[in-house]
């Protein structure tokens, strides 16, 4: 899982969201999963489409 988390950190950095620690990466991955499954609204979704 550490290798996958490190890969997610690199991918997020390439997308413009630099992650400097594994705890940041865990929060990033969890938020992405929660938004993707409809448990959390995306911050940039004012109309509630997500």
PDB file of N, CA and C in Angstrom:
ATOM      1  N   UNK A   1       0.813  -1.190   0.000  1.00  0.00           N
ATOM      2  CA  UNK A   1       0.000   0.000   0.000  1.00  0.00           C
ATOM      3  C   UNK A   1       0.862   1.262   0.000  1.00  0.00           C
ATOM      4  N   UNK A   2       2.021   1.192   0.607  1.00  0.00           N
ATOM      5  CA  UNK A   2       2.897   2.364   0.646  1.00  0.00           C
ATOM      6  C   UNK A   2       3.311   2.765  -0.764  1.00  0.00           C
ATOM      7  N   UNK A   3       3.632   1.772  -1.598  1.00  0.00           N
ATOM      8  CA  UNK A   3       4.011   2.091  -2.981  1.00  0.00           C
ATOM      9  C   UNK A   3       2.858   2.768  -3.715  1.00  0.00           C
ATOM     10  N   UNK A   4       1.644   2.268  -3.498  1.00  0.00           N
ATOM     11  CA  UNK A   4       0.478   2.866  -4.141  1.00  0.00           C
ATOM     12  C   UNK A   4       0.244   4.284  -3.626  1.00  0.00           C
ATOM     13  N   UNK A   5       0.442   4.491  -2.343  1.00  0.00           N
ATOM     14  CA  UNK A   5       0.268   5.821  -1.764  1.00  0.00           C
ATOM     15  C   UNK A   5       1.311   6.787  -2.314  1.00  0.00           C
ATOM     16  N   UNK A   6       2.540   6.321  -2.434  1.00  0.00           N
ATOM     17  CA  UNK A   6       3.591   7.156  -3.022  1.00  0.00           C
ATOM     18  C   UNK A   6       3.272   7.503  -4.476  1.00  0.00           C
ATOM     19  N   UNK A   7       2.714   6.545  -5.212  1.00  0.00           N
ATOM     20  CA  UNK A   7       2.319   6.802  -6.596  1.00  0.00           C
ATOM     21  C   UNK A   7       1.199   7.837  -6.641  1.00  0.00           C
ATOM     22  N   UNK A   8       0.259   7.765  -5.713  1.00  0.00           N
ATOM     23  CA  UNK A   8      -0.824   8.749  -5.650  1.00  0.00           C
ATOM     24  C   UNK A   8      -0.269  10.134  -5.343  1.00  0.00           C
ATOM     25  N   UNK A   9       0.757  10.194  -4.498  1.00  0.00           N
ATOM     26  CA  UNK A   9       1.386  11.478  -4.184  1.00  0.00           C
ATOM     27  C   UNK A   9       1.999  12.088  -5.439  1.00  0.00           C
ATOM     28  N   UNK A  10       2.677  11.273  -6.236  1.00  0.00           N
ATOM     29  CA  UNK A  10       3.272  11.768  -7.472  1.00  0.00           C
ATOM     30  C   UNK A  10       2.198  12.224  -8.456  1.00  0.00           C
ATOM     31  N   UNK A  11       1.128  11.442  -8.581  1.00  0.00           N
ATOM     32  CA  UNK A  11       0.052  11.797  -9.503  1.00  0.00           C
ATOM     33  C   UNK A  11      -0.614  13.109  -9.081  1.00  0.00           C
ATOM     34  N   UNK A  12      -0.851  13.280  -7.796  1.00  0.00           N
ATOM     35  CA  UNK A  12      -1.482  14.505  -7.311  1.00  0.00           C
ATOM     36  C   UNK A  12      -0.572  15.703  -7.548  1.00  0.00           C
ATOM     37  N   UNK A  13       0.720  15.511  -7.360  1.00  0.00           N
ATOM     38  CA  UNK A  13       1.666  16.595  -7.602  1.00  0.00           C
ATOM     39  C   UNK A  13       1.660  17.007  -9.066  1.00  0.00           C
ATOM     40  N   UNK A  14       1.520  16.024  -9.958  1.00  0.00           N
ATOM     41  CA  UNK A  14       1.471  16.319 -11.388  1.00  0.00           C
ATOM     42  C   UNK A  14       0.193  17.084 -11.746  1.00  0.00           C
ATOM     43  N   UNK A  15      -0.873  16.883 -10.952  1.00  0.00           N
ATOM     44  CA  UNK A  15      -2.141  17.573 -11.190  1.00  0.00           C
ATOM     45  C   UNK A  15      -2.187  18.951 -10.548  1.00  0.00           C
ATOM     46  N   UNK A  16      -1.093  19.352  -9.907  1.00  0.00           N
ATOM     47  CA  UNK A  16      -1.041  20.675  -9.313  1.00  0.00           C
ATOM     48  C   UNK A  16      -1.363  20.723  -7.833  1.00  0.00           C
ATOM     49  N   UNK A  17      -1.559  19.576  -7.205  1.00  0.00           N
ATOM     50  CA  UNK A  17      -1.837  19.533  -5.772  1.00  0.00           C
ATOM     51  C   UNK A  17      -0.670  18.861  -5.068  1.00  0.00           C
ATOM     52  N   UNK A  18       0.423  19.603  -4.825  1.00  0.00           N
ATOM     53  CA  UNK A  18       1.596  18.961  -4.242  1.00  0.00           C
ATOM     54  C   UNK A  18       1.321  18.396  -2.850  1.00  0.00           C
ATOM     55  N   UNK A  19       1.634  17.132  -2.690  1.00  0.00           N
ATOM     56  CA  UNK A  19       1.474  16.471  -1.401  1.00  0.00           C
ATOM     57  C   UNK A  19       2.860  16.228  -0.833  1.00  0.00           C
ATOM     58  N   UNK A  20       3.085  16.725   0.356  1.00  0.00           N
ATOM     59  CA  UNK A  20       4.425  16.662   0.925  1.00  0.00           C
ATOM     60  C   UNK A  20       4.575  15.587   1.992  1.00  0.00           C
ATOM     61  N   UNK A  21       3.479  14.943   2.364  1.00  0.00           N
ATOM     62  CA  UNK A  21       3.567  13.914   3.388  1.00  0.00           C
ATOM     63  C   UNK A  21       2.558  12.806   3.109  1.00  0.00           C
ATOM     64  N   UNK A  22       2.830  11.661   3.660  1.00  0.00           N
ATOM     65  CA  UNK A  22       1.894  10.549   3.489  1.00  0.00           C
ATOM     66  C   UNK A  22       0.539  10.822   4.154  1.00  0.00           C
ATOM     67  N   UNK A  23       0.497  11.462   5.329  1.00  0.00           N
ATOM     68  CA  UNK A  23      -0.821  11.804   5.877  1.00  0.00           C
ATOM     69  C   UNK A  23      -1.630  12.704   4.938  1.00  0.00           C
ATOM     70  N   UNK A  24      -0.958  13.661   4.280  1.00  0.00           N
ATOM     71  CA  UNK A  24      -1.650  14.489   3.282  1.00  0.00           C
ATOM     72  C   UNK A  24      -2.171  13.620   2.144  1.00  0.00           C
ATOM     73  N   UNK A  25      -1.368  12.665   1.718  1.00  0.00           N
ATOM     74  CA  UNK A  25      -1.772  11.781   0.631  1.00  0.00           C
ATOM     75  C   UNK A  25      -2.970  10.928   1.033  1.00  0.00           C
ATOM     76  N   UNK A  26      -2.985  10.443   2.260  1.00  0.00           N
ATOM     77  CA  UNK A  26      -4.127   9.642   2.735  1.00  0.00           C
ATOM     78  C   UNK A  26      -5.394  10.491   2.722  1.00  0.00           C
ATOM     79  N   UNK A  27      -5.297  11.736   3.193  1.00  0.00           N
ATOM     80  CA  UNK A  27      -6.469  12.624   3.164  1.00  0.00           C
ATOM     81  C   UNK A  27      -6.930  12.883   1.733  1.00  0.00           C
ATOM     82  N   UNK A  28      -5.984  13.094   0.839  1.00  0.00           N
ATOM     83  CA  UNK A  28      -6.295  13.346  -0.567  1.00  0.00           C
ATOM     84  C   UNK A  28      -7.016  12.145  -1.184  1.00  0.00           C
ATOM     85  N   UNK A  29      -6.473  10.948  -0.963  1.00  0.00           N
ATOM     86  CA  UNK A  29      -7.065   9.732  -1.531  1.00  0.00           C
ATOM     87  C   UNK A  29      -8.439   9.475  -0.924  1.00  0.00           C
ATOM     88  N   UNK A  30      -8.566   9.640   0.374  1.00  0.00           N
ATOM     89  CA  UNK A  30      -9.858   9.415   1.029  1.00  0.00           C
ATOM     90  C   UNK A  30     -10.897  10.415   0.540  1.00  0.00           C
ATOM     91  N   UNK A  31     -10.510  11.690   0.433  1.00  0.00           N
ATOM     92  CA  UNK A  31     -11.453  12.697  -0.068  1.00  0.00           C
ATOM     93  C   UNK A  31     -11.890  12.366  -1.492  1.00  0.00           C
ATOM     94  N   UNK A  32     -10.931  11.949  -2.343  1.00  0.00           N
ATOM     95  CA  UNK A  32     -11.248  11.583  -3.710  1.00  0.00           C
ATOM     96  C   UNK A  32     -12.233  10.418  -3.750  1.00  0.00           C
ATOM     97  N   UNK A  33     -12.018   9.417  -2.905  1.00  0.00           N
ATOM     98  CA  UNK A  33     -12.895   8.252  -2.861  1.00  0.00           C
ATOM     99  C   UNK A  33     -14.291   8.650  -2.370  1.00  0.00           C
ATOM    100  N   UNK A  34     -14.343   9.460  -1.323  1.00  0.00           N
ATOM    101  CA  UNK A  34     -15.628   9.893  -0.776  1.00  0.00           C
ATOM    102  C   UNK A  34     -16.421  10.713  -1.786  1.00  0.00           C
ATOM    103  N   UNK A  35     -15.756  11.611  -2.498  1.00  0.00           N
ATOM    104  CA  UNK A  35     -16.433  12.402  -3.530  1.00  0.00           C
ATOM    105  C   UNK A  35     -16.895  11.486  -4.661  1.00  0.00           C
ATOM    106  N   UNK A  36     -16.024  10.589  -5.083  1.00  0.00           N
ATOM    107  CA  UNK A  36     -16.349   9.690  -6.184  1.00  0.00           C
ATOM    108  C   UNK A  36     -17.524   8.779  -5.904  1.00  0.00           C
ATOM    109  N   UNK A  37     -17.747   8.457  -4.632  1.00  0.00           N
ATOM    110  CA  UNK A  37     -18.846   7.574  -4.259  1.00  0.00           C
ATOM    111  C   UNK A  37     -20.061   8.331  -3.724  1.00  0.00           C
ATOM    112  N   UNK A  38     -20.003   9.655  -3.788  1.00  0.00           N
ATOM    113  CA  UNK A  38     -21.160  10.472  -3.425  1.00  0.00           C
ATOM    114  C   UNK A  38     -21.349  10.714  -1.935  1.00  0.00           C
ATOM    115  N   UNK A  39     -20.360  10.394  -1.117  1.00  0.00           N
ATOM    116  CA  UNK A  39     -20.482  10.617   0.316  1.00  0.00           C
ATOM    117  C   UNK A  39     -20.094  12.030   0.723  1.00  0.00           C
ATOM    118  N   UNK A  40     -19.407  12.727  -0.159  1.00  0.00           N
ATOM    119  CA  UNK A  40     -18.913  14.066   0.129  1.00  0.00           C
ATOM    120  C   UNK A  40     -19.039  14.892  -1.128  1.00  0.00           C
ATOM    121  N   UNK A  41     -19.503  16.119  -0.992  1.00  0.00           N
ATOM    122  CA  UNK A  41     -19.586  17.003  -2.152  1.00  0.00           C
ATOM    123  C   UNK A  41     -18.225  17.569  -2.454  1.00  0.00           C
ATOM    124  N   UNK A  42     -17.974  17.727  -3.735  1.00  0.00           N
ATOM    125  CA  UNK A  42     -16.733  18.347  -4.178  1.00  0.00           C
ATOM    126  C   UNK A  42     -16.796  19.820  -3.836  1.00  0.00           C
ATOM    127  N   UNK A  43     -15.699  20.377  -3.371  1.00  0.00           N
ATOM    128  CA  UNK A  43     -15.673  21.788  -2.970  1.00  0.00           C
ATOM    129  C   UNK A  43     -16.072  22.718  -4.100  1.00  0.00           C
ATOM    130  N   UNK A  44     -15.711  22.366  -5.323  1.00  0.00           N
ATOM    131  CA  UNK A  44     -15.986  23.239  -6.463  1.00  0.00           C
ATOM    132  C   UNK A  44     -17.259  22.813  -7.184  1.00  0.00           C
ATOM    133  N   UNK A  45     -18.269  22.410  -6.410  1.00  0.00           N
ATOM    134  CA  UNK A  45     -19.517  21.931  -6.975  1.00  0.00           C
ATOM    135  C   UNK A  45     -20.686  22.670  -6.323  1.00  0.00           C
ATOM    136  N   UNK A  46     -20.800  23.997  -6.571  1.00  0.00           N
ATOM    137  CA  UNK A  46     -21.819  24.781  -5.875  1.00  0.00           C
ATOM    138  C   UNK A  46     -23.242  24.388  -6.201  1.00  0.00           C
ATOM    139  N   UNK A  47     -23.479  23.770  -7.336  1.00  0.00           N
ATOM    140  CA  UNK A  47     -24.844  23.405  -7.721  1.00  0.00           C
ATOM    141  C   UNK A  47     -25.226  22.017  -7.234  1.00  0.00           C
ATOM    142  N   UNK A  48     -24.318  21.337  -6.592  1.00  0.00           N
ATOM    143  CA  UNK A  48     -24.628  20.018  -6.055  1.00  0.00           C
ATOM    144  C   UNK A  48     -24.748  18.937  -7.098  1.00  0.00           C
ATOM    145  N   UNK A  49     -24.086  19.121  -8.230  1.00  0.00           N
ATOM    146  CA  UNK A  49     -24.176  18.133  -9.307  1.00  0.00           C
ATOM    147  C   UNK A  49     -23.423  16.858  -8.976  1.00  0.00           C
ATOM    148  N   UNK A  50     -22.536  16.919  -8.011  1.00  0.00           N
ATOM    149  CA  UNK A  50     -21.745  15.739  -7.660  1.00  0.00           C
ATOM    150  C   UNK A  50     -22.262  15.107  -6.404  1.00  0.00           C
TER     151      UNK A  50
END
